Amino acid sequence: VIKNKKSVFDKLGRVIAGLGRPSLLAKLIVAAEYMDKMKKLYEEYPDTPEKLSEWMYRVNSLYESFERALKE
């Protein structure tokens, strides 16, 4: 239990230190936004094989958009 508390505090310290770097904070915000979008898309997984191709296209498009957003 103590190890977990230490690691949680270590991670929290790293996050707080990273907040001083605006580019890192911006990337974290972008990542969180895309995580929400991807979760919603996965909840829309098709129930028939005929719709799978369109869904996969949407997944790939979102992933490519995410990669571009991180490079900005």
N, C-alpha and C. Protein backbone atom coordinates (compact mmCIF):
# COMPACT_ATOMS: atom_id res chain seq x y z
N VAL A 1 0.83 -1.19 0.00
CA VAL A 1 0.00 0.00 0.00
C VAL A 1 0.87 1.25 0.00
N ILE A 2 1.94 1.24 0.76
CA ILE A 2 2.82 2.41 0.82
C ILE A 2 3.48 2.65 -0.54
N LYS A 3 3.86 1.56 -1.24
CA LYS A 3 4.45 1.73 -2.56
C LYS A 3 3.49 2.44 -3.50
N ASN A 4 2.22 2.05 -3.44
CA ASN A 4 1.22 2.68 -4.31
C ASN A 4 1.08 4.16 -3.99
N LYS A 5 1.08 4.49 -2.71
CA LYS A 5 0.97 5.90 -2.33
C LYS A 5 2.16 6.69 -2.84
N LYS A 6 3.34 6.09 -2.73
CA LYS A 6 4.54 6.78 -3.20
C LYS A 6 4.46 6.99 -4.70
N SER A 7 4.07 5.97 -5.43
CA SER A 7 4.01 6.12 -6.88
C SER A 7 2.95 7.13 -7.29
N VAL A 8 1.84 7.18 -6.57
CA VAL A 8 0.80 8.17 -6.87
C VAL A 8 1.34 9.57 -6.64
N PHE A 9 2.04 9.77 -5.54
CA PHE A 9 2.61 11.08 -5.25
C PHE A 9 3.72 11.44 -6.25
N ASP A 10 4.50 10.45 -6.66
CA ASP A 10 5.52 10.70 -7.68
C ASP A 10 4.88 11.15 -8.98
N LYS A 11 3.83 10.45 -9.39
CA LYS A 11 3.13 10.81 -10.62
C LYS A 11 2.50 12.19 -10.51
N LEU A 12 1.91 12.47 -9.38
CA LEU A 12 1.29 13.78 -9.16
C LEU A 12 2.35 14.87 -9.25
N GLY A 13 3.50 14.63 -8.67
CA GLY A 13 4.59 15.60 -8.73
C GLY A 13 5.04 15.85 -10.15
N ARG A 14 5.10 14.79 -10.95
CA ARG A 14 5.50 14.95 -12.36
C ARG A 14 4.46 15.75 -13.13
N VAL A 15 3.19 15.48 -12.85
CA VAL A 15 2.12 16.22 -13.53
C VAL A 15 2.20 17.70 -13.18
N ILE A 16 2.37 17.99 -11.90
CA ILE A 16 2.46 19.39 -11.47
C ILE A 16 3.67 20.06 -12.10
N ALA A 17 4.79 19.37 -12.15
CA ALA A 17 5.99 19.94 -12.77
C ALA A 17 5.76 20.18 -14.25
N GLY A 18 5.02 19.29 -14.90
CA GLY A 18 4.75 19.42 -16.32
C GLY A 18 3.79 20.55 -16.64
N LEU A 19 3.01 20.98 -15.67
CA LEU A 19 2.07 22.06 -15.91
C LEU A 19 2.78 23.37 -16.21
N GLY A 20 4.03 23.45 -15.82
CA GLY A 20 4.81 24.64 -16.12
C GLY A 20 5.23 24.70 -17.58
N ARG A 21 5.02 23.60 -18.30
CA ARG A 21 5.35 23.57 -19.73
C ARG A 21 4.05 23.61 -20.52
N PRO A 22 3.71 24.75 -21.08
CA PRO A 22 2.43 24.90 -21.79
C PRO A 22 2.24 23.90 -22.93
N SER A 23 3.32 23.56 -23.64
CA SER A 23 3.16 22.64 -24.77
C SER A 23 2.74 21.25 -24.28
N LEU A 24 3.27 20.83 -23.15
CA LEU A 24 2.89 19.53 -22.61
C LEU A 24 1.44 19.56 -22.15
N LEU A 25 1.05 20.62 -21.49
CA LEU A 25 -0.33 20.74 -21.03
C LEU A 25 -1.28 20.74 -22.22
N ALA A 26 -0.94 21.44 -23.27
CA ALA A 26 -1.79 21.48 -24.46
C ALA A 26 -1.93 20.09 -25.07
N LYS A 27 -0.84 19.34 -25.11
CA LYS A 27 -0.89 17.98 -25.67
C LYS A 27 -1.74 17.06 -24.79
N LEU A 28 -1.67 17.25 -23.48
CA LEU A 28 -2.50 16.44 -22.58
C LEU A 28 -3.98 16.74 -22.79
N ILE A 29 -4.29 18.00 -23.02
CA ILE A 29 -5.69 18.38 -23.27
C ILE A 29 -6.16 17.76 -24.58
N VAL A 30 -5.34 17.84 -25.61
CA VAL A 30 -5.69 17.25 -26.91
C VAL A 30 -5.89 15.74 -26.75
N ALA A 31 -4.99 15.09 -26.04
CA ALA A 31 -5.11 13.64 -25.84
C ALA A 31 -6.40 13.29 -25.12
N ALA A 32 -6.75 14.05 -24.10
CA ALA A 32 -7.99 13.78 -23.36
C ALA A 32 -9.21 13.95 -24.25
N GLU A 33 -9.20 14.99 -25.09
CA GLU A 33 -10.33 15.21 -26.00
C GLU A 33 -10.47 14.06 -26.98
N TYR A 34 -9.35 13.60 -27.53
CA TYR A 34 -9.41 12.50 -28.49
C TYR A 34 -9.76 11.17 -27.82
N MET A 35 -9.38 11.01 -26.58
CA MET A 35 -9.79 9.80 -25.85
C MET A 35 -11.30 9.73 -25.76
N ASP A 36 -11.93 10.86 -25.47
CA ASP A 36 -13.40 10.91 -25.41
C ASP A 36 -14.01 10.58 -26.77
N LYS A 37 -13.46 11.18 -27.82
CA LYS A 37 -13.97 10.92 -29.17
C LYS A 37 -13.83 9.45 -29.54
N MET A 38 -12.68 8.86 -29.22
CA MET A 38 -12.44 7.46 -29.56
C MET A 38 -13.36 6.55 -28.76
N LYS A 39 -13.58 6.87 -27.51
CA LYS A 39 -14.48 6.06 -26.69
C LYS A 39 -15.89 6.06 -27.29
N LYS A 40 -16.36 7.24 -27.69
CA LYS A 40 -17.69 7.33 -28.30
C LYS A 40 -17.75 6.53 -29.60
N LEU A 41 -16.68 6.60 -30.37
CA LEU A 41 -16.65 5.86 -31.63
C LEU A 41 -16.67 4.36 -31.37
N TYR A 42 -15.94 3.90 -30.37
CA TYR A 42 -15.93 2.47 -30.06
C TYR A 42 -17.28 2.01 -29.52
N GLU A 43 -18.01 2.91 -28.90
CA GLU A 43 -19.36 2.56 -28.44
C GLU A 43 -20.32 2.40 -29.63
N GLU A 44 -19.92 2.93 -30.78
CA GLU A 44 -20.73 2.82 -32.00
C GLU A 44 -20.27 1.67 -32.89
N TYR A 45 -19.55 0.72 -32.30
CA TYR A 45 -19.08 -0.44 -33.08
C TYR A 45 -20.26 -1.07 -33.80
N PRO A 46 -20.12 -1.34 -35.09
CA PRO A 46 -21.26 -1.83 -35.87
C PRO A 46 -21.71 -3.22 -35.43
N ASP A 47 -23.00 -3.43 -35.59
CA ASP A 47 -23.57 -4.72 -35.23
C ASP A 47 -23.68 -5.65 -36.43
N THR A 48 -23.29 -5.17 -37.60
CA THR A 48 -23.28 -6.03 -38.78
C THR A 48 -21.95 -5.86 -39.51
N PRO A 49 -21.48 -6.93 -40.14
CA PRO A 49 -20.21 -6.84 -40.88
C PRO A 49 -20.25 -5.83 -42.03
N GLU A 50 -21.42 -5.58 -42.57
CA GLU A 50 -21.53 -4.64 -43.69
C GLU A 50 -21.15 -3.21 -43.29
N LYS A 51 -21.32 -2.88 -42.04
CA LYS A 51 -21.02 -1.52 -41.57
C LYS A 51 -19.60 -1.38 -41.03
N LEU A 52 -18.87 -2.49 -40.98
CA LEU A 52 -17.54 -2.47 -40.38
C LEU A 52 -16.55 -1.60 -41.16
N SER A 53 -16.59 -1.68 -42.46
CA SER A 53 -15.66 -0.91 -43.28
C SER A 53 -15.81 0.60 -43.04
N GLU A 54 -17.03 1.07 -43.00
CA GLU A 54 -17.28 2.50 -42.75
C GLU A 54 -16.79 2.89 -41.35
N TRP A 55 -17.04 2.04 -40.37
CA TRP A 55 -16.63 2.32 -39.00
C TRP A 55 -15.10 2.36 -38.91
N MET A 56 -14.44 1.41 -39.57
CA MET A 56 -12.97 1.38 -39.55
C MET A 56 -12.40 2.64 -40.20
N TYR A 57 -13.05 3.12 -41.24
CA TYR A 57 -12.62 4.36 -41.89
C TYR A 57 -12.71 5.52 -40.89
N ARG A 58 -13.78 5.57 -40.13
CA ARG A 58 -13.95 6.63 -39.13
C ARG A 58 -12.88 6.54 -38.05
N VAL A 59 -12.56 5.31 -37.62
CA VAL A 59 -11.52 5.12 -36.60
C VAL A 59 -10.18 5.61 -37.15
N ASN A 60 -9.83 5.18 -38.34
CA ASN A 60 -8.55 5.58 -38.94
C ASN A 60 -8.48 7.09 -39.15
N SER A 61 -9.57 7.69 -39.58
CA SER A 61 -9.60 9.14 -39.77
C SER A 61 -9.38 9.88 -38.46
N LEU A 62 -10.03 9.40 -37.41
CA LEU A 62 -9.87 10.03 -36.10
C LEU A 62 -8.44 9.89 -35.61
N TYR A 63 -7.85 8.71 -35.80
CA TYR A 63 -6.47 8.49 -35.37
C TYR A 63 -5.51 9.42 -36.12
N GLU A 64 -5.71 9.54 -37.43
CA GLU A 64 -4.86 10.43 -38.23
C GLU A 64 -5.02 11.88 -37.78
N SER A 65 -6.24 12.27 -37.48
CA SER A 65 -6.51 13.62 -36.98
C SER A 65 -5.79 13.85 -35.66
N PHE A 66 -5.80 12.86 -34.81
CA PHE A 66 -5.11 12.94 -33.51
C PHE A 66 -3.61 13.13 -33.71
N GLU A 67 -3.03 12.35 -34.61
CA GLU A 67 -1.60 12.48 -34.86
C GLU A 67 -1.25 13.88 -35.37
N ARG A 68 -2.08 14.42 -36.26
CA ARG A 68 -1.84 15.78 -36.77
C ARG A 68 -1.96 16.81 -35.65
N ALA A 69 -2.94 16.63 -34.79
CA ALA A 69 -3.17 17.58 -33.69
C ALA A 69 -1.98 17.59 -32.73
N LEU A 70 -1.36 16.46 -32.51
CA LEU A 70 -0.21 16.41 -31.60
C LEU A 70 1.02 17.11 -32.19
N LYS A 71 1.10 17.15 -33.50
CA LYS A 71 2.26 17.77 -34.15
C LYS A 71 2.14 19.29 -34.21
N GLU A 72 0.96 19.82 -33.98
CA GLU A 72 0.75 21.28 -34.06
C GLU A 72 1.39 21.99 -32.89
